[in-house]
Amino acid sequence: MTACQQADIFLVPLLDGAFGLGQVIIAPDDRRDTPYWPAGAAFCLLTARHVTRSAATVPVSQRDIISRQFIDAGVIGTDIWPVIGFEQLPPVAADPDQIALRHDVTPIDAPIIEAFLNACHGLFPWDGFPDPAFFDAMLAAGVDRPPRATMAK
């Protein structure tokens, strides 16, 4: 496994056999000397795209972005979350340094990201966590709940 790098496009498995898509904006090695940066975290964009494993890499546009998260980078580039290429970076409204400074940031584990993207595509209940607003808090500022999201309760 190779460490993820800035601009990597990666796939996140979905329950229907397709994939969600993300992009590394800042890799952990780019911030190893920044004391407040969460250890082992990559700052990533998550998109609303629903793709196959053989998807071509195309640039992520601002309108594709549904979430910006610090993600445990150890899963990016594995067989489960493969890197399928790299592309130019979209403009990012959120400043990861400011997010890391303001919050006690802990990288989000792979299963939570997988559940979130599955919920975005209606494959897992949007309110399926003990806090029914958990996924709402993961959406990027100004992004509405995805239209395919379904409620269990």
C-alpha atoms as a PDB file:
ATOM      1  CA  MET A   1       0.000   0.000   0.000  1.00  0.00           C
ATOM      2  CA  THR A   2       1.253   3.448  -0.902  1.00  0.00           C
ATOM      3  CA  ALA A   3       0.510   6.461   1.273  1.00  0.00           C
ATOM      4  CA  CYS A   4      -2.157   8.700  -0.187  1.00  0.00           C
ATOM      5  CA  GLN A   5      -1.038  11.877  -1.873  1.00  0.00           C
ATOM      6  CA  GLN A   6      -2.569  15.248  -2.556  1.00  0.00           C
ATOM      7  CA  ALA A   7      -5.023  15.150  -5.503  1.00  0.00           C
ATOM      8  CA  ASP A   8      -5.572  11.364  -5.314  1.00  0.00           C
ATOM      9  CA  ILE A   9      -9.076  10.300  -6.351  1.00  0.00           C
ATOM     10  CA  PHE A  10     -10.294   7.320  -4.321  1.00  0.00           C
ATOM     11  CA  LEU A  11     -13.323   5.043  -4.232  1.00  0.00           C
ATOM     12  CA  VAL A  12     -15.456   4.204  -1.200  1.00  0.00           C
ATOM     13  CA  PRO A  13     -17.499   0.969  -1.406  1.00  0.00           C
ATOM     14  CA  LEU A  14     -21.291   1.205  -1.338  1.00  0.00           C
ATOM     15  CA  LEU A  15     -23.797  -1.474  -0.385  1.00  0.00           C
ATOM     16  CA  ASP A  16     -25.129  -1.785  -3.947  1.00  0.00           C
ATOM     17  CA  GLY A  17     -21.708  -2.775  -5.338  1.00  0.00           C
ATOM     18  CA  ALA A  18     -20.984   0.686  -6.756  1.00  0.00           C
ATOM     19  CA  PHE A  19     -18.681   3.281  -5.187  1.00  0.00           C
ATOM     20  CA  GLY A  20     -18.711   6.757  -3.766  1.00  0.00           C
ATOM     21  CA  LEU A  21     -15.858   9.043  -4.736  1.00  0.00           C
ATOM     22  CA  GLY A  22     -13.493  11.214  -2.741  1.00  0.00           C
ATOM     23  CA  GLN A  23     -10.373  13.285  -3.288  1.00  0.00           C
ATOM     24  CA  VAL A  24      -7.396  13.939  -1.030  1.00  0.00           C
ATOM     25  CA  ILE A  25      -6.876  17.677  -0.579  1.00  0.00           C
ATOM     26  CA  ILE A  26      -4.087  17.488   1.989  1.00  0.00           C
ATOM     27  CA  ALA A  27      -2.225  14.248   2.688  1.00  0.00           C
ATOM     28  CA  PRO A  28      -0.849  13.451   6.171  1.00  0.00           C
ATOM     29  CA  ASP A  29       2.766  13.736   5.034  1.00  0.00           C
ATOM     30  CA  ASP A  30       2.109  17.305   3.874  1.00  0.00           C
ATOM     31  CA  ARG A  31       1.383  18.298   7.496  1.00  0.00           C
ATOM     32  CA  ARG A  32       3.660  16.063   9.550  1.00  0.00           C
ATOM     33  CA  ASP A  33       5.353  19.119  11.128  1.00  0.00           C
ATOM     34  CA  THR A  34       2.079  20.848  12.063  1.00  0.00           C
ATOM     35  CA  PRO A  35       1.458  20.080  15.752  1.00  0.00           C
ATOM     36  CA  TYR A  36      -2.322  20.568  15.710  1.00  0.00           C
ATOM     37  CA  TRP A  37      -2.910  18.459  12.576  1.00  0.00           C
ATOM     38  CA  PRO A  38      -4.659  15.182  13.519  1.00  0.00           C
ATOM     39  CA  ALA A  39      -2.182  12.299  13.361  1.00  0.00           C
ATOM     40  CA  GLY A  40      -2.639  10.056  10.353  1.00  0.00           C
ATOM     41  CA  ALA A  41      -5.371  12.226   8.869  1.00  0.00           C
ATOM     42  CA  ALA A  42      -5.925  13.311   5.300  1.00  0.00           C
ATOM     43  CA  PHE A  43      -8.228  16.245   4.615  1.00  0.00           C
ATOM     44  CA  CYS A  44     -10.585  15.005   1.910  1.00  0.00           C
ATOM     45  CA  LEU A  45     -13.571  15.973  -0.149  1.00  0.00           C
ATOM     46  CA  LEU A  46     -16.449  13.540  -0.504  1.00  0.00           C
ATOM     47  CA  THR A  47     -18.737  13.787  -3.505  1.00  0.00           C
ATOM     48  CA  ALA A  48     -22.270  12.765  -4.416  1.00  0.00           C
ATOM     49  CA  ARG A  49     -20.971  10.736  -7.347  1.00  0.00           C
ATOM     50  CA  HIS A  50     -22.090   7.103  -7.698  1.00  0.00           C
ATOM     51  CA  VAL A  51     -19.521   5.299  -9.861  1.00  0.00           C
ATOM     52  CA  THR A  52     -18.157   1.898 -10.870  1.00  0.00           C
ATOM     53  CA  ARG A  53     -14.677   0.596 -10.095  1.00  0.00           C
ATOM     54  CA  SER A  54     -13.621   1.352 -13.680  1.00  0.00           C
ATOM     55  CA  ALA A  55     -14.748   4.993 -13.485  1.00  0.00           C
ATOM     56  CA  ALA A  56     -12.609   7.477 -15.342  1.00  0.00           C
ATOM     57  CA  THR A  57     -11.096  10.189 -13.199  1.00  0.00           C
ATOM     58  CA  VAL A  58     -12.514  13.598 -13.953  1.00  0.00           C
ATOM     59  CA  PRO A  59     -11.968  16.762 -11.950  1.00  0.00           C
ATOM     60  CA  VAL A  60     -14.219  17.231  -8.932  1.00  0.00           C
ATOM     61  CA  SER A  61     -16.310  20.367  -9.267  1.00  0.00           C
ATOM     62  CA  GLN A  62     -17.506  22.545  -6.412  1.00  0.00           C
ATOM     63  CA  ARG A  63     -21.098  21.366  -7.000  1.00  0.00           C
ATOM     64  CA  ASP A  64     -20.026  17.701  -6.555  1.00  0.00           C
ATOM     65  CA  ILE A  65     -18.748  18.278  -3.002  1.00  0.00           C
ATOM     66  CA  ILE A  66     -21.068  17.139  -0.222  1.00  0.00           C
ATOM     67  CA  SER A  67     -18.605  16.887   2.665  1.00  0.00           C
ATOM     68  CA  ARG A  68     -15.107  17.911   3.746  1.00  0.00           C
ATOM     69  CA  GLN A  69     -13.610  15.653   6.379  1.00  0.00           C
ATOM     70  CA  PHE A  70     -10.440  14.617   8.124  1.00  0.00           C
ATOM     71  CA  ILE A  71     -10.297  10.907   7.305  1.00  0.00           C
ATOM     72  CA  ASP A  72      -8.050   8.194   8.691  1.00  0.00           C
ATOM     73  CA  ALA A  73      -5.631   8.022   5.753  1.00  0.00           C
ATOM     74  CA  GLY A  74      -4.663   4.406   6.413  1.00  0.00           C
ATOM     75  CA  VAL A  75      -7.588   3.084   4.389  1.00  0.00           C
ATOM     76  CA  ILE A  76      -7.031   5.287   1.318  1.00  0.00           C
ATOM     77  CA  GLY A  77      -5.129   3.347  -1.327  1.00  0.00           C
ATOM     78  CA  THR A  78      -6.064  -0.098  -0.010  1.00  0.00           C
ATOM     79  CA  ASP A  79      -7.959  -2.752  -1.961  1.00  0.00           C
ATOM     80  CA  ILE A  80     -11.127  -1.618  -0.192  1.00  0.00           C
ATOM     81  CA  TRP A  81     -10.668   2.128  -0.873  1.00  0.00           C
ATOM     82  CA  PRO A  82      -8.559   2.088  -4.051  1.00  0.00           C
ATOM     83  CA  VAL A  83      -6.950   5.160  -5.547  1.00  0.00           C
ATOM     84  CA  ILE A  84      -8.015   5.323  -9.200  1.00  0.00           C
ATOM     85  CA  GLY A  85      -5.974   8.310 -10.306  1.00  0.00           C
ATOM     86  CA  PHE A  86      -5.413  11.937  -9.521  1.00  0.00           C
ATOM     87  CA  GLU A  87      -6.891  15.187 -10.791  1.00  0.00           C
ATOM     88  CA  GLN A  88      -6.614  18.903 -10.314  1.00  0.00           C
ATOM     89  CA  LEU A  89      -7.973  20.145  -7.016  1.00  0.00           C
ATOM     90  CA  PRO A  90     -11.244  22.068  -6.893  1.00  0.00           C
ATOM     91  CA  PRO A  91     -11.488  25.309  -4.943  1.00  0.00           C
ATOM     92  CA  VAL A  92     -12.012  24.421  -1.285  1.00  0.00           C
ATOM     93  CA  ALA A  93     -14.065  26.846   0.769  1.00  0.00           C
ATOM     94  CA  ALA A  94     -13.153  25.266   4.113  1.00  0.00           C
ATOM     95  CA  ASP A  95      -9.661  25.920   5.416  1.00  0.00           C
ATOM     96  CA  PRO A  96      -8.457  22.659   7.002  1.00  0.00           C
ATOM     97  CA  ASP A  97      -5.902  24.464   9.162  1.00  0.00           C
ATOM     98  CA  GLN A  98      -8.651  26.603  10.684  1.00  0.00           C
ATOM     99  CA  ILE A  99     -10.865  23.558  11.221  1.00  0.00           C
ATOM    100  CA  ALA A 100      -8.021  21.709  12.958  1.00  0.00           C
ATOM    101  CA  LEU A 101      -7.221  24.722  15.149  1.00  0.00           C
ATOM    102  CA  ARG A 102     -10.831  25.365  16.214  1.00  0.00           C
ATOM    103  CA  HIS A 103     -11.835  21.804  16.988  1.00  0.00           C
ATOM    104  CA  ASP A 104     -10.465  18.794  18.753  1.00  0.00           C
ATOM    105  CA  VAL A 105     -10.337  17.007  15.410  1.00  0.00           C
ATOM    106  CA  THR A 106     -10.238  13.243  15.287  1.00  0.00           C
ATOM    107  CA  PRO A 107     -10.024  11.584  11.877  1.00  0.00           C
ATOM    108  CA  ILE A 108     -13.249   9.848  10.907  1.00  0.00           C
ATOM    109  CA  ASP A 109     -12.989   6.080  10.595  1.00  0.00           C
ATOM    110  CA  ALA A 110     -13.724   4.318   7.309  1.00  0.00           C
ATOM    111  CA  PRO A 111     -16.989   2.635   8.434  1.00  0.00           C
ATOM    112  CA  ILE A 112     -18.523   6.015   9.308  1.00  0.00           C
ATOM    113  CA  ILE A 113     -17.546   7.499   5.926  1.00  0.00           C
ATOM    114  CA  GLU A 114     -18.964   4.395   4.228  1.00  0.00           C
ATOM    115  CA  ALA A 115     -22.234   4.690   6.180  1.00  0.00           C
ATOM    116  CA  PHE A 116     -22.459   8.410   5.330  1.00  0.00           C
ATOM    117  CA  LEU A 117     -21.976   7.864   1.587  1.00  0.00           C
ATOM    118  CA  ASN A 118     -24.388   4.922   1.616  1.00  0.00           C
ATOM    119  CA  ALA A 119     -26.952   7.159   3.340  1.00  0.00           C
ATOM    120  CA  CYS A 120     -26.374   9.843   0.694  1.00  0.00           C
ATOM    121  CA  HIS A 121     -27.404   7.308  -1.947  1.00  0.00           C
ATOM    122  CA  GLY A 122     -30.409   5.948  -0.040  1.00  0.00           C
ATOM    123  CA  LEU A 123     -28.683   2.661   0.782  1.00  0.00           C
ATOM    124  CA  PHE A 124     -28.556   3.220   4.561  1.00  0.00           C
ATOM    125  CA  PRO A 125     -31.019   5.212   6.695  1.00  0.00           C
ATOM    126  CA  TRP A 126     -30.026   8.865   7.003  1.00  0.00           C
ATOM    127  CA  ASP A 127     -31.145   8.735  10.638  1.00  0.00           C
ATOM    128  CA  GLY A 128     -29.574   5.308  11.234  1.00  0.00           C
ATOM    129  CA  PHE A 129     -27.145   6.438  13.945  1.00  0.00           C
ATOM    130  CA  PRO A 130     -28.185   7.066  17.580  1.00  0.00           C
ATOM    131  CA  ASP A 131     -28.063  10.811  16.869  1.00  0.00           C
ATOM    132  CA  PRO A 132     -30.516  11.185  13.957  1.00  0.00           C
ATOM    133  CA  ALA A 133     -28.785  14.416  12.877  1.00  0.00           C
ATOM    134  CA  PHE A 134     -25.295  12.839  12.775  1.00  0.00           C
ATOM    135  CA  PHE A 135     -25.058  12.812   8.968  1.00  0.00           C
ATOM    136  CA  ASP A 136     -26.538  16.317   8.701  1.00  0.00           C
ATOM    137  CA  ALA A 137     -23.530  17.542  10.696  1.00  0.00           C
ATOM    138  CA  MET A 138     -21.177  15.887   8.182  1.00  0.00           C
ATOM    139  CA  LEU A 139     -22.563  17.830   5.216  1.00  0.00           C
ATOM    140  CA  ALA A 140     -20.479  20.731   3.949  1.00  0.00           C
ATOM    141  CA  ALA A 141     -21.788  24.200   4.748  1.00  0.00           C
ATOM    142  CA  GLY A 142     -24.589  25.133   2.375  1.00  0.00           C
ATOM    143  CA  VAL A 143     -25.181  21.548   1.194  1.00  0.00           C
ATOM    144  CA  ASP A 144     -28.704  20.191   1.600  1.00  0.00           C
ATOM    145  CA  ARG A 145     -29.516  16.635   2.574  1.00  0.00           C
ATOM    146  CA  PRO A 146     -29.188  14.512  -0.584  1.00  0.00           C
ATOM    147  CA  PRO A 147     -32.504  13.849  -2.350  1.00  0.00           C
ATOM    148  CA  ARG A 148     -31.998  10.059  -2.261  1.00  0.00           C
ATOM    149  CA  ALA A 149     -31.487  10.036   1.527  1.00  0.00           C
ATOM    150  CA  THR A 150     -34.179   8.029   3.300  1.00  0.00           C
ATOM    151  CA  MET A 151     -35.323   8.143   6.893  1.00  0.00           C
ATOM    152  CA  ALA A 152     -35.892   5.002   8.983  1.00  0.00           C
ATOM    153  CA  LYS A 153     -37.779   6.690  11.825  1.00  0.00           C
END
